[in-house]
Amino acid sequence: MEAPCQRIVWDVLPAIRAAIAVELVKCGVGQVDAARMLEIAPSAVSQYLSGKRGYRIEFENDVKKSIKGLAKDLKSGKKVDLVKRTCEICRQLREGDEQCGGTSGTASERCGT
């Protein structure tokens, strides 16, 4: 049996980090700088960009906006509470109708809420 929190740790959070990394690189931030901003290894950013990690969830409009906003704040050098903002995005995802790593059931069932 897979616990909902396990799905979040293994699928949702890596997908959020991957989306933020991709957005940062799209905005002209280098991979090493993106890794530093996200407090992750540069190799993780490389794997996110190549689709080897963090690719299991396709985000929709509101969550994409939040991810782009966080990337913009990080790029601009704004002081960001990365854990808090990531948790807000995760919560937003779980409250919406988006997929949390599953293919059937309600968003609440898929995301463990």
PDB file of N, CA and C in Angstrom:
ATOM      1  N   MET A   1       0.843  -1.185   0.000  1.00  0.00           N
ATOM      2  CA  MET A   1       0.000   0.000   0.000  1.00  0.00           C
ATOM      3  C   MET A   1       0.890   1.251   0.000  1.00  0.00           C
ATOM      4  N   GLU A   2       0.530   2.188  -0.819  1.00  0.00           N
ATOM      5  CA  GLU A   2       1.287   3.430  -0.904  1.00  0.00           C
ATOM      6  C   GLU A   2       0.534   4.533  -0.170  1.00  0.00           C
ATOM      7  N   ALA A   3       1.172   5.137   0.807  1.00  0.00           N
ATOM      8  CA  ALA A   3       0.559   6.227   1.565  1.00  0.00           C
ATOM      9  C   ALA A   3       0.541   7.495   0.715  1.00  0.00           C
ATOM     10  N   PRO A   4      -0.478   8.348   0.908  1.00  0.00           N
ATOM     11  CA  PRO A   4      -0.552   9.596   0.139  1.00  0.00           C
ATOM     12  C   PRO A   4       0.700  10.462   0.288  1.00  0.00           C
ATOM     13  N   CYS A   5       1.252  10.514   1.493  1.00  0.00           N
ATOM     14  CA  CYS A   5       2.446  11.334   1.685  1.00  0.00           C
ATOM     15  C   CYS A   5       3.626  10.779   0.889  1.00  0.00           C
ATOM     16  N   GLN A   6       3.652   9.476   0.694  1.00  0.00           N
ATOM     17  CA  GLN A   6       4.707   8.863  -0.113  1.00  0.00           C
ATOM     18  C   GLN A   6       4.607   9.345  -1.558  1.00  0.00           C
ATOM     19  N   ARG A   7       3.401   9.429  -2.074  1.00  0.00           N
ATOM     20  CA  ARG A   7       3.188   9.915  -3.441  1.00  0.00           C
ATOM     21  C   ARG A   7       3.658  11.363  -3.569  1.00  0.00           C
ATOM     22  N   ILE A   8       3.379  12.157  -2.545  1.00  0.00           N
ATOM     23  CA  ILE A   8       3.793  13.560  -2.579  1.00  0.00           C
ATOM     24  C   ILE A   8       5.317  13.659  -2.601  1.00  0.00           C
ATOM     25  N   VAL A   9       5.975  12.904  -1.729  1.00  0.00           N
ATOM     26  CA  VAL A   9       7.436  12.965  -1.643  1.00  0.00           C
ATOM     27  C   VAL A   9       8.099  12.439  -2.916  1.00  0.00           C
ATOM     28  N   TRP A  10       7.591  11.351  -3.463  1.00  0.00           N
ATOM     29  CA  TRP A  10       8.234  10.720  -4.617  1.00  0.00           C
ATOM     30  C   TRP A  10       7.839  11.329  -5.956  1.00  0.00           C
ATOM     31  N   ASP A  11       6.629  11.879  -6.064  1.00  0.00           N
ATOM     32  CA  ASP A  11       6.142  12.361  -7.360  1.00  0.00           C
ATOM     33  C   ASP A  11       5.877  13.867  -7.400  1.00  0.00           C
ATOM     34  N   VAL A  12       5.104  14.362  -6.443  1.00  0.00           N
ATOM     35  CA  VAL A  12       4.636  15.749  -6.505  1.00  0.00           C
ATOM     36  C   VAL A  12       5.771  16.742  -6.278  1.00  0.00           C
ATOM     37  N   LEU A  13       6.505  16.612  -5.189  1.00  0.00           N
ATOM     38  CA  LEU A  13       7.568  17.576  -4.901  1.00  0.00           C
ATOM     39  C   LEU A  13       8.662  17.590  -5.973  1.00  0.00           C
ATOM     40  N   PRO A  14       9.118  16.436  -6.452  1.00  0.00           N
ATOM     41  CA  PRO A  14      10.100  16.490  -7.549  1.00  0.00           C
ATOM     42  C   PRO A  14       9.540  17.161  -8.812  1.00  0.00           C
ATOM     43  N   ALA A  15       8.264  16.951  -9.089  1.00  0.00           N
ATOM     44  CA  ALA A  15       7.655  17.586 -10.262  1.00  0.00           C
ATOM     45  C   ALA A  15       7.599  19.098 -10.093  1.00  0.00           C
ATOM     46  N   ILE A  16       7.308  19.553  -8.884  1.00  0.00           N
ATOM     47  CA  ILE A  16       7.288  20.996  -8.617  1.00  0.00           C
ATOM     48  C   ILE A  16       8.694  21.566  -8.770  1.00  0.00           C
ATOM     49  N   ARG A  17       9.678  20.924  -8.161  1.00  0.00           N
ATOM     50  CA  ARG A  17      11.065  21.395  -8.289  1.00  0.00           C
ATOM     51  C   ARG A  17      11.506  21.397  -9.750  1.00  0.00           C
ATOM     52  N   ALA A  18      11.146  20.357 -10.481  1.00  0.00           N
ATOM     53  CA  ALA A  18      11.510  20.284 -11.900  1.00  0.00           C
ATOM     54  C   ALA A  18      10.898  21.441 -12.677  1.00  0.00           C
ATOM     55  N   ALA A  19       9.634  21.717 -12.423  1.00  0.00           N
ATOM     56  CA  ALA A  19       8.956  22.804 -13.139  1.00  0.00           C
ATOM     57  C   ALA A  19       9.587  24.154 -12.816  1.00  0.00           C
ATOM     58  N   ILE A  20       9.972  24.357 -11.559  1.00  0.00           N
ATOM     59  CA  ILE A  20      10.634  25.610 -11.182  1.00  0.00           C
ATOM     60  C   ILE A  20      11.993  25.701 -11.872  1.00  0.00           C
ATOM     61  N   ALA A  21      12.748  24.613 -11.878  1.00  0.00           N
ATOM     62  CA  ALA A  21      14.062  24.603 -12.532  1.00  0.00           C
ATOM     63  C   ALA A  21      13.934  24.905 -14.022  1.00  0.00           C
ATOM     64  N   VAL A  22      12.986  24.274 -14.672  1.00  0.00           N
ATOM     65  CA  VAL A  22      12.760  24.508 -16.103  1.00  0.00           C
ATOM     66  C   VAL A  22      12.410  25.973 -16.341  1.00  0.00           C
ATOM     67  N   GLU A  23      11.548  26.519 -15.514  1.00  0.00           N
ATOM     68  CA  GLU A  23      11.142  27.923 -15.665  1.00  0.00           C
ATOM     69  C   GLU A  23      12.331  28.859 -15.465  1.00  0.00           C
ATOM     70  N   LEU A  24      13.161  28.575 -14.476  1.00  0.00           N
ATOM     71  CA  LEU A  24      14.349  29.409 -14.249  1.00  0.00           C
ATOM     72  C   LEU A  24      15.267  29.394 -15.468  1.00  0.00           C
ATOM     73  N   VAL A  25      15.512  28.218 -16.014  1.00  0.00           N
ATOM     74  CA  VAL A  25      16.395  28.108 -17.181  1.00  0.00           C
ATOM     75  C   VAL A  25      15.775  28.809 -18.390  1.00  0.00           C
ATOM     76  N   LYS A  26      14.451  28.690 -18.553  1.00  0.00           N
ATOM     77  CA  LYS A  26      13.767  29.410 -19.643  1.00  0.00           C
ATOM     78  C   LYS A  26      13.963  30.910 -19.512  1.00  0.00           C
ATOM     79  N   CYS A  27      14.070  31.395 -18.265  1.00  0.00           N
ATOM     80  CA  CYS A  27      14.238  32.826 -18.002  1.00  0.00           C
ATOM     81  C   CYS A  27      15.696  33.264 -18.080  1.00  0.00           C
ATOM     82  N   GLY A  28      16.580  32.351 -18.502  1.00  0.00           N
ATOM     83  CA  GLY A  28      17.972  32.715 -18.698  1.00  0.00           C
ATOM     84  C   GLY A  28      18.903  32.429 -17.534  1.00  0.00           C
ATOM     85  N   VAL A  29      18.421  31.763 -16.507  1.00  0.00           N
ATOM     86  CA  VAL A  29      19.271  31.402 -15.372  1.00  0.00           C
ATOM     87  C   VAL A  29      20.040  30.133 -15.739  1.00  0.00           C
ATOM     88  N   GLY A  30      21.319  30.098 -15.453  1.00  0.00           N
ATOM     89  CA  GLY A  30      22.124  28.908 -15.724  1.00  0.00           C
ATOM     90  C   GLY A  30      21.758  27.765 -14.788  1.00  0.00           C
ATOM     91  N   GLN A  31      22.104  26.562 -15.194  1.00  0.00           N
ATOM     92  CA  GLN A  31      21.755  25.381 -14.405  1.00  0.00           C
ATOM     93  C   GLN A  31      22.382  25.407 -13.013  1.00  0.00           C
ATOM     94  N   VAL A  32      23.622  25.833 -12.917  1.00  0.00           N
ATOM     95  CA  VAL A  32      24.291  25.871 -11.615  1.00  0.00           C
ATOM     96  C   VAL A  32      23.619  26.900 -10.713  1.00  0.00           C
ATOM     97  N   ASP A  33      23.281  28.062 -11.272  1.00  0.00           N
ATOM     98  CA  ASP A  33      22.598  29.085 -10.481  1.00  0.00           C
ATOM     99  C   ASP A  33      21.196  28.635 -10.084  1.00  0.00           C
ATOM    100  N   ALA A  34      20.497  27.968 -10.997  1.00  0.00           N
ATOM    101  CA  ALA A  34      19.165  27.446 -10.670  1.00  0.00           C
ATOM    102  C   ALA A  34      19.260  26.439  -9.531  1.00  0.00           C
ATOM    103  N   ALA A  35      20.263  25.592  -9.573  1.00  0.00           N
ATOM    104  CA  ALA A  35      20.462  24.607  -8.501  1.00  0.00           C
ATOM    105  C   ALA A  35      20.713  25.307  -7.171  1.00  0.00           C
ATOM    106  N   ARG A  36      21.536  26.333  -7.196  1.00  0.00           N
ATOM    107  CA  ARG A  36      21.822  27.086  -5.973  1.00  0.00           C
ATOM    108  C   ARG A  36      20.551  27.728  -5.424  1.00  0.00           C
ATOM    109  N   MET A  37      19.757  28.321  -6.295  1.00  0.00           N
ATOM    110  CA  MET A  37      18.511  28.968  -5.872  1.00  0.00           C
ATOM    111  C   MET A  37      17.525  27.977  -5.266  1.00  0.00           C
ATOM    112  N   LEU A  38      17.507  26.772  -5.833  1.00  0.00           N
ATOM    113  CA  LEU A  38      16.571  25.741  -5.368  1.00  0.00           C
ATOM    114  C   LEU A  38      17.160  24.861  -4.268  1.00  0.00           C
ATOM    115  N   GLU A  39      18.425  25.117  -3.944  1.00  0.00           N
ATOM    116  CA  GLU A  39      19.110  24.353  -2.897  1.00  0.00           C
ATOM    117  C   GLU A  39      19.141  22.859  -3.219  1.00  0.00           C
ATOM    118  N   ILE A  40      19.449  22.576  -4.490  1.00  0.00           N
ATOM    119  CA  ILE A  40      19.574  21.191  -4.951  1.00  0.00           C
ATOM    120  C   ILE A  40      20.873  21.064  -5.741  1.00  0.00           C
ATOM    121  N   ALA A  41      21.247  19.849  -6.054  1.00  0.00           N
ATOM    122  CA  ALA A  41      22.476  19.603  -6.815  1.00  0.00           C
ATOM    123  C   ALA A  41      22.301  20.009  -8.279  1.00  0.00           C
ATOM    124  N   PRO A  42      23.352  20.536  -8.903  1.00  0.00           N
ATOM    125  CA  PRO A  42      23.275  20.849 -10.332  1.00  0.00           C
ATOM    126  C   PRO A  42      22.889  19.639 -11.176  1.00  0.00           C
ATOM    127  N   SER A  43      23.310  18.456 -10.758  1.00  0.00           N
ATOM    128  CA  SER A  43      22.942  17.252 -11.513  1.00  0.00           C
ATOM    129  C   SER A  43      21.432  17.025 -11.488  1.00  0.00           C
ATOM    130  N   ALA A  44      20.768  17.405 -10.397  1.00  0.00           N
ATOM    131  CA  ALA A  44      19.310  17.273 -10.329  1.00  0.00           C
ATOM    132  C   ALA A  44      18.655  18.197 -11.351  1.00  0.00           C
ATOM    133  N   VAL A  45      19.152  19.422 -11.454  1.00  0.00           N
ATOM    134  CA  VAL A  45      18.610  20.360 -12.445  1.00  0.00           C
ATOM    135  C   VAL A  45      18.802  19.790 -13.845  1.00  0.00           C
ATOM    136  N   SER A  46      19.972  19.258 -14.122  1.00  0.00           N
ATOM    137  CA  SER A  46      20.240  18.655 -15.426  1.00  0.00           C
ATOM    138  C   SER A  46      19.255  17.526 -15.721  1.00  0.00           C
ATOM    139  N   GLN A  47      19.003  16.685 -14.734  1.00  0.00           N
ATOM    140  CA  GLN A  47      18.064  15.581 -14.924  1.00  0.00           C
ATOM    141  C   GLN A  47      16.632  16.082 -15.069  1.00  0.00           C
ATOM    142  N   TYR A  48      16.266  17.136 -14.355  1.00  0.00           N
ATOM    143  CA  TYR A  48      14.930  17.718 -14.523  1.00  0.00           C
ATOM    144  C   TYR A  48      14.767  18.235 -15.949  1.00  0.00           C
ATOM    145  N   LEU A  49      15.791  18.918 -16.456  1.00  0.00           N
ATOM    146  CA  LEU A  49      15.715  19.499 -17.799  1.00  0.00           C
ATOM    147  C   LEU A  49      15.670  18.435 -18.890  1.00  0.00           C
ATOM    148  N   SER A  50      16.326  17.317 -18.660  1.00  0.00           N
ATOM    149  CA  SER A  50      16.338  16.250 -19.663  1.00  0.00           C
ATOM    150  C   SER A  50      15.140  15.312 -19.540  1.00  0.00           C
ATOM    151  N   GLY A  51      14.325  15.510 -18.505  1.00  0.00           N
ATOM    152  CA  GLY A  51      13.147  14.670 -18.318  1.00  0.00           C
ATOM    153  C   GLY A  51      13.436  13.337 -17.649  1.00  0.00           C
ATOM    154  N   LYS A  52      14.620  13.189 -17.088  1.00  0.00           N
ATOM    155  CA  LYS A  52      14.956  11.936 -16.404  1.00  0.00           C
ATOM    156  C   LYS A  52      14.362  11.869 -15.001  1.00  0.00           C
ATOM    157  N   ARG A  53      14.053  13.026 -14.439  1.00  0.00           N
ATOM    158  CA  ARG A  53      13.461  13.100 -13.098  1.00  0.00           C
ATOM    159  C   ARG A  53      12.379  14.170 -13.086  1.00  0.00           C
ATOM    160  N   GLY A  54      11.385  13.982 -12.199  1.00  0.00           N
ATOM    161  CA  GLY A  54      10.408  15.025 -11.933  1.00  0.00           C
ATOM    162  C   GLY A  54       9.442  15.345 -13.050  1.00  0.00           C
ATOM    163  N   TYR A  55       9.121  14.406 -13.908  1.00  0.00           N
ATOM    164  CA  TYR A  55       8.305  14.688 -15.083  1.00  0.00           C
ATOM    165  C   TYR A  55       6.923  14.055 -15.031  1.00  0.00           C
ATOM    166  N   ARG A  56       6.504  13.522 -13.924  1.00  0.00           N
ATOM    167  CA  ARG A  56       5.292  12.707 -13.876  1.00  0.00           C
ATOM    168  C   ARG A  56       3.981  13.485 -13.818  1.00  0.00           C
ATOM    169  N   ILE A  57       4.035  14.771 -13.583  1.00  0.00           N
ATOM    170  CA  ILE A  57       2.805  15.544 -13.438  1.00  0.00           C
ATOM    171  C   ILE A  57       2.826  16.712 -14.413  1.00  0.00           C
ATOM    172  N   GLU A  58       1.724  16.893 -15.107  1.00  0.00           N
ATOM    173  CA  GLU A  58       1.548  18.052 -15.989  1.00  0.00           C
ATOM    174  C   GLU A  58       0.691  19.058 -15.226  1.00  0.00           C
ATOM    175  N   PHE A  59       1.239  20.233 -14.966  1.00  0.00           N
ATOM    176  CA  PHE A  59       0.522  21.243 -14.190  1.00  0.00           C
ATOM    177  C   PHE A  59      -0.397  22.060 -15.078  1.00  0.00           C
ATOM    178  N   GLU A  60      -1.471  22.544 -14.489  1.00  0.00           N
ATOM    179  CA  GLU A  60      -2.413  23.394 -15.206  1.00  0.00           C
ATOM    180  C   GLU A  60      -2.254  24.844 -14.773  1.00  0.00           C
ATOM    181  N   ASN A  61      -3.116  25.700 -15.282  1.00  0.00           N
ATOM    182  CA  ASN A  61      -2.974  27.153 -15.237  1.00  0.00           C
ATOM    183  C   ASN A  61      -2.573  27.772 -13.905  1.00  0.00           C
ATOM    184  N   ASP A  62      -3.370  27.601 -12.854  1.00  0.00           N
ATOM    185  CA  ASP A  62      -3.088  28.287 -11.596  1.00  0.00           C
ATOM    186  C   ASP A  62      -1.767  27.839 -10.988  1.00  0.00           C
ATOM    187  N   VAL A  63      -1.505  26.558 -11.042  1.00  0.00           N
ATOM    188  CA  VAL A  63      -0.255  26.043 -10.491  1.00  0.00           C
ATOM    189  C   VAL A  63       0.919  26.525 -11.342  1.00  0.00           C
ATOM    190  N   LYS A  64       0.759  26.533 -12.660  1.00  0.00           N
ATOM    191  CA  LYS A  64       1.816  27.052 -13.539  1.00  0.00           C
ATOM    192  C   LYS A  64       2.116  28.511 -13.212  1.00  0.00           C
ATOM    193  N   LYS A  65       1.076  29.303 -12.956  1.00  0.00           N
ATOM    194  CA  LYS A  65       1.269  30.716 -12.605  1.00  0.00           C
ATOM    195  C   LYS A  65       2.073  30.842 -11.319  1.00  0.00           C
ATOM    196  N   SER A  66       1.750  30.015 -10.339  1.00  0.00           N
ATOM    197  CA  SER A  66       2.474  30.053  -9.063  1.00  0.00           C
ATOM    198  C   SER A  66       3.932  29.658  -9.250  1.00  0.00           C
ATOM    199  N   ILE A  67       4.168  28.659 -10.070  1.00  0.00           N
ATOM    200  CA  ILE A  67       5.537  28.216 -10.343  1.00  0.00           C
ATOM    201  C   ILE A  67       6.307  29.319 -11.070  1.00  0.00           C
ATOM    202  N   LYS A  68       5.685  29.936 -12.068  1.00  0.00           N
ATOM    203  CA  LYS A  68       6.341  31.031 -12.787  1.00  0.00           C
ATOM    204  C   LYS A  68       6.619  32.204 -11.858  1.00  0.00           C
ATOM    205  N   GLY A  69       5.676  32.498 -10.958  1.00  0.00           N
ATOM    206  CA  GLY A  69       5.868  33.584  -9.997  1.00  0.00           C
ATOM    207  C   GLY A  69       7.032  33.315  -9.062  1.00  0.00           C
ATOM    208  N   LEU A  70       7.138  32.089  -8.592  1.00  0.00           N
ATOM    209  CA  LEU A  70       8.253  31.722  -7.716  1.00  0.00           C
ATOM    210  C   LEU A  70       9.574  31.812  -8.474  1.00  0.00           C
ATOM    211  N   ALA A  71       9.602  31.320  -9.694  1.00  0.00           N
ATOM    212  CA  ALA A  71      10.826  31.395 -10.501  1.00  0.00           C
ATOM    213  C   ALA A  71      11.225  32.854 -10.736  1.00  0.00           C
ATOM    214  N   LYS A  72      10.252  33.694 -11.018  1.00  0.00           N
ATOM    215  CA  LYS A  72      10.523  35.118 -11.238  1.00  0.00           C
ATOM    216  C   LYS A  72      11.112  35.753  -9.978  1.00  0.00           C
ATOM    217  N   ASP A  73      10.523  35.430  -8.822  1.00  0.00           N
ATOM    218  CA  ASP A  73      11.031  35.971  -7.560  1.00  0.00           C
ATOM    219  C   ASP A  73      12.452  35.488  -7.279  1.00  0.00           C
ATOM    220  N   LEU A  74      12.710  34.212  -7.536  1.00  0.00           N
ATOM    221  CA  LEU A  74      14.052  33.675  -7.331  1.00  0.00           C
ATOM    222  C   LEU A  74      15.055  34.354  -8.256  1.00  0.00           C
ATOM    223  N   LYS A  75      14.680  34.507  -9.521  1.00  0.00           N
ATOM    224  CA  LYS A  75      15.587  35.114 -10.500  1.00  0.00           C
ATOM    225  C   LYS A  75      15.905  36.561 -10.135  1.00  0.00           C
ATOM    226  N   SER A  76      14.910  37.279  -9.625  1.00  0.00           N
ATOM    227  CA  SER A  76      15.108  38.693  -9.300  1.00  0.00           C
ATOM    228  C   SER A  76      15.915  38.899  -8.021  1.00  0.00           C
ATOM    229  N   GLY A  77      16.206  37.809  -7.314  1.00  0.00           N
ATOM    230  CA  GLY A  77      16.981  37.922  -6.085  1.00  0.00           C
ATOM    231  C   GLY A  77      16.148  38.227  -4.861  1.00  0.00           C
ATOM    232  N   LYS A  78      14.847  38.215  -5.043  1.00  0.00           N
ATOM    233  CA  LYS A  78      13.939  38.475  -3.927  1.00  0.00           C
ATOM    234  C   LYS A  78      14.121  37.395  -2.860  1.00  0.00           C
ATOM    235  N   LYS A  79      14.097  37.795  -1.601  1.00  0.00           N
ATOM    236  CA  LYS A  79      14.220  36.821  -0.513  1.00  0.00           C
ATOM    237  C   LYS A  79      12.952  35.970  -0.496  1.00  0.00           C
ATOM    238  N   VAL A  80      13.132  34.668  -0.680  1.00  0.00           N
ATOM    239  CA  VAL A  80      12.010  33.741  -0.820  1.00  0.00           C
ATOM    240  C   VAL A  80      12.150  32.628   0.210  1.00  0.00           C
ATOM    241  N   ASP A  81      11.047  32.324   0.893  1.00  0.00           N
ATOM    242  CA  ASP A  81      11.008  31.141   1.761  1.00  0.00           C
ATOM    243  C   ASP A  81      10.632  29.978   0.852  1.00  0.00           C
ATOM    244  N   LEU A  82      11.646  29.283   0.361  1.00  0.00           N
ATOM    245  CA  LEU A  82      11.451  28.246  -0.650  1.00  0.00           C
ATOM    246  C   LEU A  82      10.560  27.114  -0.152  1.00  0.00           C
ATOM    247  N   VAL A  83      10.744  26.703   1.091  1.00  0.00           N
ATOM    248  CA  VAL A  83       9.922  25.618   1.638  1.00  0.00           C
ATOM    249  C   VAL A  83       8.462  26.051   1.705  1.00  0.00           C
ATOM    250  N   LYS A  84       8.216  27.231   2.211  1.00  0.00           N
ATOM    251  CA  LYS A  84       6.839  27.728   2.329  1.00  0.00           C
ATOM    252  C   LYS A  84       6.176  27.847   0.962  1.00  0.00           C
ATOM    253  N   ARG A  85       6.879  28.432   0.016  1.00  0.00           N
ATOM    254  CA  ARG A  85       6.299  28.616  -1.323  1.00  0.00           C
ATOM    255  C   ARG A  85       6.059  27.281  -2.015  1.00  0.00           C
ATOM    256  N   THR A  86       6.981  26.334  -1.850  1.00  0.00           N
ATOM    257  CA  THR A  86       6.794  25.007  -2.439  1.00  0.00           C
ATOM    258  C   THR A  86       5.593  24.319  -1.815  1.00  0.00           C
ATOM    259  N   CYS A  87       5.452  24.443  -0.503  1.00  0.00           N
ATOM    260  CA  CYS A  87       4.291  23.855   0.183  1.00  0.00           C
ATOM    261  C   CYS A  87       2.989  24.489  -0.295  1.00  0.00           C
ATOM    262  N   GLU A  88       3.010  25.799  -0.528  1.00  0.00           N
ATOM    263  CA  GLU A  88       1.813  26.480  -1.035  1.00  0.00           C
ATOM    264  C   GLU A  88       1.433  25.950  -2.416  1.00  0.00           C
ATOM    265  N   ILE A  89       2.419  25.741  -3.260  1.00  0.00           N
ATOM    266  CA  ILE A  89       2.152  25.202  -4.596  1.00  0.00           C
ATOM    267  C   ILE A  89       1.609  23.781  -4.489  1.00  0.00           C
ATOM    268  N   CYS A  90       2.194  22.984  -3.621  1.00  0.00           N
ATOM    269  CA  CYS A  90       1.720  21.610  -3.411  1.00  0.00           C
ATOM    270  C   CYS A  90       0.276  21.620  -2.912  1.00  0.00           C
ATOM    271  N   ARG A  91      -0.012  22.491  -1.960  1.00  0.00           N
ATOM    272  CA  ARG A  91      -1.373  22.606  -1.421  1.00  0.00           C
ATOM    273  C   ARG A  91      -2.342  23.041  -2.521  1.00  0.00           C
ATOM    274  N   GLN A  92      -1.928  24.009  -3.308  1.00  0.00           N
ATOM    275  CA  GLN A  92      -2.752  24.493  -4.418  1.00  0.00           C
ATOM    276  C   GLN A  92      -3.047  23.356  -5.393  1.00  0.00           C
ATOM    277  N   LEU A  93      -2.047  22.566  -5.673  1.00  0.00           N
ATOM    278  CA  LEU A  93      -2.204  21.425  -6.566  1.00  0.00           C
ATOM    279  C   LEU A  93      -3.187  20.418  -5.988  1.00  0.00           C
ATOM    280  N   ARG A  94      -3.041  20.122  -4.706  1.00  0.00           N
ATOM    281  CA  ARG A  94      -3.903  19.132  -4.066  1.00  0.00           C
ATOM    282  C   ARG A  94      -5.343  19.615  -3.969  1.00  0.00           C
ATOM    283  N   GLU A  95      -5.537  20.925  -3.845  1.00  0.00           N
ATOM    284  CA  GLU A  95      -6.889  21.468  -3.737  1.00  0.00           C
ATOM    285  C   GLU A  95      -7.572  21.593  -5.089  1.00  0.00           C
ATOM    286  N   GLY A  96      -6.791  21.629  -6.158  1.00  0.00           N
ATOM    287  CA  GLY A  96      -7.343  21.789  -7.495  1.00  0.00           C
ATOM    288  C   GLY A  96      -7.779  20.469  -8.085  1.00  0.00           C
ATOM    289  N   ASP A  97      -8.099  20.521  -9.343  1.00  0.00           N
ATOM    290  CA  ASP A  97      -8.532  19.321 -10.056  1.00  0.00           C
ATOM    291  C   ASP A  97      -7.391  18.692 -10.831  1.00  0.00           C
ATOM    292  N   GLU A  98      -6.171  19.017 -10.433  1.00  0.00           N
ATOM    293  CA  GLU A  98      -5.029  18.514 -11.184  1.00  0.00           C
ATOM    294  C   GLU A  98      -4.558  17.178 -10.653  1.00  0.00           C
ATOM    295  N   GLN A  99      -3.784  16.542 -11.461  1.00  0.00           N
ATOM    296  CA  GLN A  99      -3.303  15.202 -11.158  1.00  0.00           C
ATOM    297  C   GLN A  99      -2.121  15.255 -10.192  1.00  0.00           C
ATOM    298  N   CYS A 100      -2.207  14.470  -9.127  1.00  0.00           N
ATOM    299  CA  CYS A 100      -1.104  14.372  -8.159  1.00  0.00           C
ATOM    300  C   CYS A 100      -0.435  13.022  -8.275  1.00  0.00           C
ATOM    301  N   GLY A 101      -0.013  12.693  -9.459  1.00  0.00           N
ATOM    302  CA  GLY A 101       0.738  11.466  -9.637  1.00  0.00           C
ATOM    303  C   GLY A 101      -0.118  10.242  -9.878  1.00  0.00           C
ATOM    304  N   GLY A 102      -1.421  10.406  -9.988  1.00  0.00           N
ATOM    305  CA  GLY A 102      -2.286   9.264 -10.241  1.00  0.00           C
ATOM    306  C   GLY A 102      -3.056   9.473 -11.519  1.00  0.00           C
ATOM    307  N   THR A 103      -3.742   8.455 -11.947  1.00  0.00           N
ATOM    308  CA  THR A 103      -4.479   8.582 -13.195  1.00  0.00           C
ATOM    309  C   THR A 103      -5.969   8.390 -13.007  1.00  0.00           C
ATOM    310  N   SER A 104      -6.402   8.053 -11.802  1.00  0.00           N
ATOM    311  CA  SER A 104      -7.831   7.870 -11.591  1.00  0.00           C
ATOM    312  C   SER A 104      -8.215   8.387 -10.222  1.00  0.00           C
ATOM    313  N   GLY A 105      -9.510   8.608 -10.033  1.00  0.00           N
ATOM    314  CA  GLY A 105     -10.001   9.112  -8.762  1.00  0.00           C
ATOM    315  C   GLY A 105      -9.982  10.624  -8.726  1.00  0.00           C
ATOM    316  N   THR A 106     -10.491  11.167  -7.633  1.00  0.00           N
ATOM    317  CA  THR A 106     -10.524  12.611  -7.484  1.00  0.00           C
ATOM    318  C   THR A 106      -9.145  13.130  -7.130  1.00  0.00           C
ATOM    319  N   ALA A 107      -8.977  14.461  -7.240  1.00  0.00           N
ATOM    320  CA  ALA A 107      -7.696  15.054  -6.864  1.00  0.00           C
ATOM    321  C   ALA A 107      -7.382  14.744  -5.411  1.00  0.00           C
ATOM    322  N   SER A 108      -8.399  14.774  -4.559  1.00  0.00           N
ATOM    323  CA  SER A 108      -8.183  14.470  -3.147  1.00  0.00           C
ATOM    324  C   SER A 108      -7.692  13.044  -2.958  1.00  0.00           C
ATOM    325  N   GLU A 109      -8.268  12.117  -3.689  1.00  0.00           N
ATOM    326  CA  GLU A 109      -7.838  10.719  -3.575  1.00  0.00           C
ATOM    327  C   GLU A 109      -6.417  10.553  -4.097  1.00  0.00           C
ATOM    328  N   ARG A 110      -6.097  11.208  -5.205  1.00  0.00           N
ATOM    329  CA  ARG A 110      -4.775  11.069  -5.802  1.00  0.00           C
ATOM    330  C   ARG A 110      -3.700  11.731  -4.961  1.00  0.00           C
ATOM    331  N   CYS A 111      -4.061  12.833  -4.287  1.00  0.00           N
ATOM    332  CA  CYS A 111      -3.055  13.634  -3.590  1.00  0.00           C
ATOM    333  C   CYS A 111      -3.035  13.408  -2.090  1.00  0.00           C
ATOM    334  N   GLY A 112      -3.935  12.590  -1.595  1.00  0.00           N
ATOM    335  CA  GLY A 112      -3.905  12.272  -0.183  1.00  0.00           C
ATOM    336  C   GLY A 112      -4.550  13.298   0.719  1.00  0.00           C
ATOM    337  N   THR A 113      -5.482  14.079   0.192  1.00  0.00           N
ATOM    338  CA  THR A 113      -6.149  15.060   1.045  1.00  0.00           C
ATOM    339  C   THR A 113      -7.549  14.624   1.362  1.00  0.00           C
TER     340      THR A 113
END
